[in-house]
């Protein structure tokens, strides 16, 4: 199981929220001194599709989700403490059945 950060120090938080799917997915961007960025977000119950430009590392902080990467048949379930990778220039379906799924998305490359 991956180590998921509980906090980030020395970052800039963007106060304007990223709001998707009528507020069912909401995140905030944090910017690091090395010019990398992450988003910290919440996903409410529902099924959503996201496209990617850069590769992403998704870390599940709390809750549970089911994920199907574009081009694959398998649906995998992830819960707190688990991670999954999303290739650049692709996408994924994510479903939260109950509760709220909290995540950290790291943009790679």
C-alpha atoms as a PDB file:
ATOM      1  CA  UNK A   1       0.000   0.000   0.000  1.00  0.00           C
ATOM      2  CA  UNK A   2       1.311   3.454  -0.905  1.00  0.00           C
ATOM      3  CA  UNK A   3       2.125   6.166   1.602  1.00  0.00           C
ATOM      4  CA  UNK A   4      -0.332   8.986   1.003  1.00  0.00           C
ATOM      5  CA  UNK A   5       0.580  12.435   2.273  1.00  0.00           C
ATOM      6  CA  UNK A   6      -1.604  13.861   5.031  1.00  0.00           C
ATOM      7  CA  UNK A   7      -0.452  17.434   4.350  1.00  0.00           C
ATOM      8  CA  UNK A   8       1.680  19.515   2.015  1.00  0.00           C
ATOM      9  CA  UNK A   9       3.891  22.352   3.288  1.00  0.00           C
ATOM     10  CA  UNK A  10       5.292  25.303   1.379  1.00  0.00           C
ATOM     11  CA  UNK A  11       2.702  25.245  -1.398  1.00  0.00           C
ATOM     12  CA  UNK A  12       0.366  27.747  -2.995  1.00  0.00           C
ATOM     13  CA  UNK A  13      -3.325  26.876  -2.860  1.00  0.00           C
ATOM     14  CA  UNK A  14      -5.556  28.157  -5.665  1.00  0.00           C
ATOM     15  CA  UNK A  15      -8.759  29.310  -3.994  1.00  0.00           C
ATOM     16  CA  UNK A  16     -11.022  28.976  -7.044  1.00  0.00           C
ATOM     17  CA  UNK A  17     -12.467  25.469  -7.076  1.00  0.00           C
ATOM     18  CA  UNK A  18     -12.506  23.171 -10.098  1.00  0.00           C
ATOM     19  CA  UNK A  19     -16.161  22.108 -10.275  1.00  0.00           C
ATOM     20  CA  UNK A  20     -17.318  19.282 -12.559  1.00  0.00           C
ATOM     21  CA  UNK A  21     -20.555  17.388 -13.181  1.00  0.00           C
ATOM     22  CA  UNK A  22     -22.869  19.901 -11.484  1.00  0.00           C
ATOM     23  CA  UNK A  23     -20.764  19.944  -8.320  1.00  0.00           C
ATOM     24  CA  UNK A  24     -20.490  16.176  -7.904  1.00  0.00           C
ATOM     25  CA  UNK A  25     -16.699  16.389  -8.378  1.00  0.00           C
ATOM     26  CA  UNK A  26     -14.865  19.326  -6.791  1.00  0.00           C
ATOM     27  CA  UNK A  27     -11.135  19.904  -6.420  1.00  0.00           C
ATOM     28  CA  UNK A  28      -8.613  22.606  -5.547  1.00  0.00           C
ATOM     29  CA  UNK A  29      -5.230  22.988  -7.215  1.00  0.00           C
ATOM     30  CA  UNK A  30      -2.042  23.235  -5.193  1.00  0.00           C
ATOM     31  CA  UNK A  31       1.189  24.476  -6.755  1.00  0.00           C
ATOM     32  CA  UNK A  32       4.629  23.409  -5.565  1.00  0.00           C
ATOM     33  CA  UNK A  33       7.884  25.427  -5.612  1.00  0.00           C
ATOM     34  CA  UNK A  34       9.296  23.033  -8.270  1.00  0.00           C
ATOM     35  CA  UNK A  35       6.354  24.056 -10.542  1.00  0.00           C
ATOM     36  CA  UNK A  36       4.594  20.696 -10.202  1.00  0.00           C
ATOM     37  CA  UNK A  37       0.922  20.646  -9.307  1.00  0.00           C
ATOM     38  CA  UNK A  38      -1.657  18.426  -7.679  1.00  0.00           C
ATOM     39  CA  UNK A  39      -5.360  18.637  -7.113  1.00  0.00           C
ATOM     40  CA  UNK A  40      -7.115  17.655  -3.900  1.00  0.00           C
ATOM     41  CA  UNK A  41     -10.700  16.679  -4.454  1.00  0.00           C
ATOM     42  CA  UNK A  42     -13.978  15.062  -3.527  1.00  0.00           C
ATOM     43  CA  UNK A  43     -16.157  12.805  -5.657  1.00  0.00           C
ATOM     44  CA  UNK A  44     -19.779  12.365  -4.635  1.00  0.00           C
ATOM     45  CA  UNK A  45     -21.838   9.320  -5.656  1.00  0.00           C
ATOM     46  CA  UNK A  46     -22.173   8.892  -9.403  1.00  0.00           C
ATOM     47  CA  UNK A  47     -20.274   7.720 -12.473  1.00  0.00           C
ATOM     48  CA  UNK A  48     -18.022  10.155 -14.326  1.00  0.00           C
ATOM     49  CA  UNK A  49     -15.543  10.149 -17.207  1.00  0.00           C
ATOM     50  CA  UNK A  50     -12.337  12.198 -17.214  1.00  0.00           C
ATOM     51  CA  UNK A  51      -9.906  12.730 -20.052  1.00  0.00           C
ATOM     52  CA  UNK A  52      -6.213  13.272 -19.400  1.00  0.00           C
ATOM     53  CA  UNK A  53      -3.566  15.335 -21.108  1.00  0.00           C
ATOM     54  CA  UNK A  54      -0.653  14.513 -18.809  1.00  0.00           C
ATOM     55  CA  UNK A  55      -0.155  11.211 -17.017  1.00  0.00           C
ATOM     56  CA  UNK A  56      -1.746  11.177 -13.569  1.00  0.00           C
ATOM     57  CA  UNK A  57      -1.220   9.393 -10.288  1.00  0.00           C
ATOM     58  CA  UNK A  58      -4.480   9.134  -8.363  1.00  0.00           C
ATOM     59  CA  UNK A  59      -4.185   8.528  -4.618  1.00  0.00           C
ATOM     60  CA  UNK A  60      -7.325   7.650  -2.683  1.00  0.00           C
ATOM     61  CA  UNK A  61      -7.361   9.421   0.687  1.00  0.00           C
ATOM     62  CA  UNK A  62     -10.781   8.249   1.927  1.00  0.00           C
ATOM     63  CA  UNK A  63     -13.788   6.382   0.611  1.00  0.00           C
ATOM     64  CA  UNK A  64     -13.932   3.968  -2.302  1.00  0.00           C
ATOM     65  CA  UNK A  65     -14.238   4.116  -6.076  1.00  0.00           C
ATOM     66  CA  UNK A  66     -14.386   1.779  -9.067  1.00  0.00           C
ATOM     67  CA  UNK A  67     -12.179   2.714 -12.017  1.00  0.00           C
ATOM     68  CA  UNK A  68     -12.042   1.587 -15.643  1.00  0.00           C
ATOM     69  CA  UNK A  69      -9.163   2.962 -17.689  1.00  0.00           C
ATOM     70  CA  UNK A  70      -9.852   3.795 -21.336  1.00  0.00           C
ATOM     71  CA  UNK A  71      -8.990   0.868 -23.598  1.00  0.00           C
ATOM     72  CA  UNK A  72      -9.237  -1.724 -20.828  1.00  0.00           C
ATOM     73  CA  UNK A  73     -12.063  -4.043 -19.868  1.00  0.00           C
ATOM     74  CA  UNK A  74     -11.142  -4.464 -16.206  1.00  0.00           C
ATOM     75  CA  UNK A  75     -12.850  -2.424 -13.510  1.00  0.00           C
ATOM     76  CA  UNK A  76     -10.757  -2.132 -10.353  1.00  0.00           C
ATOM     77  CA  UNK A  77     -11.881  -0.946  -6.944  1.00  0.00           C
ATOM     78  CA  UNK A  78      -9.662   1.375  -4.903  1.00  0.00           C
ATOM     79  CA  UNK A  79     -10.035   2.489  -1.307  1.00  0.00           C
ATOM     80  CA  UNK A  80      -8.161   4.664   1.186  1.00  0.00           C
ATOM     81  CA  UNK A  81      -4.400   4.220   0.899  1.00  0.00           C
ATOM     82  CA  UNK A  82      -4.460   2.813  -2.634  1.00  0.00           C
ATOM     83  CA  UNK A  83      -3.328   4.408  -5.890  1.00  0.00           C
ATOM     84  CA  UNK A  84      -3.749   4.011  -9.623  1.00  0.00           C
ATOM     85  CA  UNK A  85      -1.984   5.445 -12.670  1.00  0.00           C
ATOM     86  CA  UNK A  86      -3.653   7.016 -15.677  1.00  0.00           C
ATOM     87  CA  UNK A  87      -1.590   7.243 -18.887  1.00  0.00           C
ATOM     88  CA  UNK A  88      -1.186  10.574 -20.699  1.00  0.00           C
ATOM     89  CA  UNK A  89      -3.622  11.372 -23.512  1.00  0.00           C
ATOM     90  CA  UNK A  90      -6.202   8.869 -22.278  1.00  0.00           C
ATOM     91  CA  UNK A  91      -9.020   8.822 -19.765  1.00  0.00           C
ATOM     92  CA  UNK A  92     -10.960   6.837 -17.226  1.00  0.00           C
ATOM     93  CA  UNK A  93     -14.415   6.178 -15.840  1.00  0.00           C
ATOM     94  CA  UNK A  94     -14.726   6.531 -12.089  1.00  0.00           C
ATOM     95  CA  UNK A  95     -17.736   5.509 -10.018  1.00  0.00           C
ATOM     96  CA  UNK A  96     -18.496   6.206  -6.381  1.00  0.00           C
ATOM     97  CA  UNK A  97     -21.428   4.155  -5.150  1.00  0.00           C
ATOM     98  CA  UNK A  98     -21.826   5.505  -1.608  1.00  0.00           C
ATOM     99  CA  UNK A  99     -20.296   8.191   0.562  1.00  0.00           C
ATOM    100  CA  UNK A 100     -17.579  10.526  -0.666  1.00  0.00           C
ATOM    101  CA  UNK A 101     -14.280   9.536  -2.266  1.00  0.00           C
ATOM    102  CA  UNK A 102     -11.412  11.914  -1.413  1.00  0.00           C
ATOM    103  CA  UNK A 103      -8.371  11.955  -3.676  1.00  0.00           C
ATOM    104  CA  UNK A 104      -5.042  13.544  -4.535  1.00  0.00           C
ATOM    105  CA  UNK A 105      -4.256  13.776  -8.252  1.00  0.00           C
ATOM    106  CA  UNK A 106      -0.603  14.303  -9.186  1.00  0.00           C
ATOM    107  CA  UNK A 107       0.128  15.472 -12.730  1.00  0.00           C
ATOM    108  CA  UNK A 108       3.219  13.739 -14.083  1.00  0.00           C
ATOM    109  CA  UNK A 109       5.451  15.070 -16.827  1.00  0.00           C
END
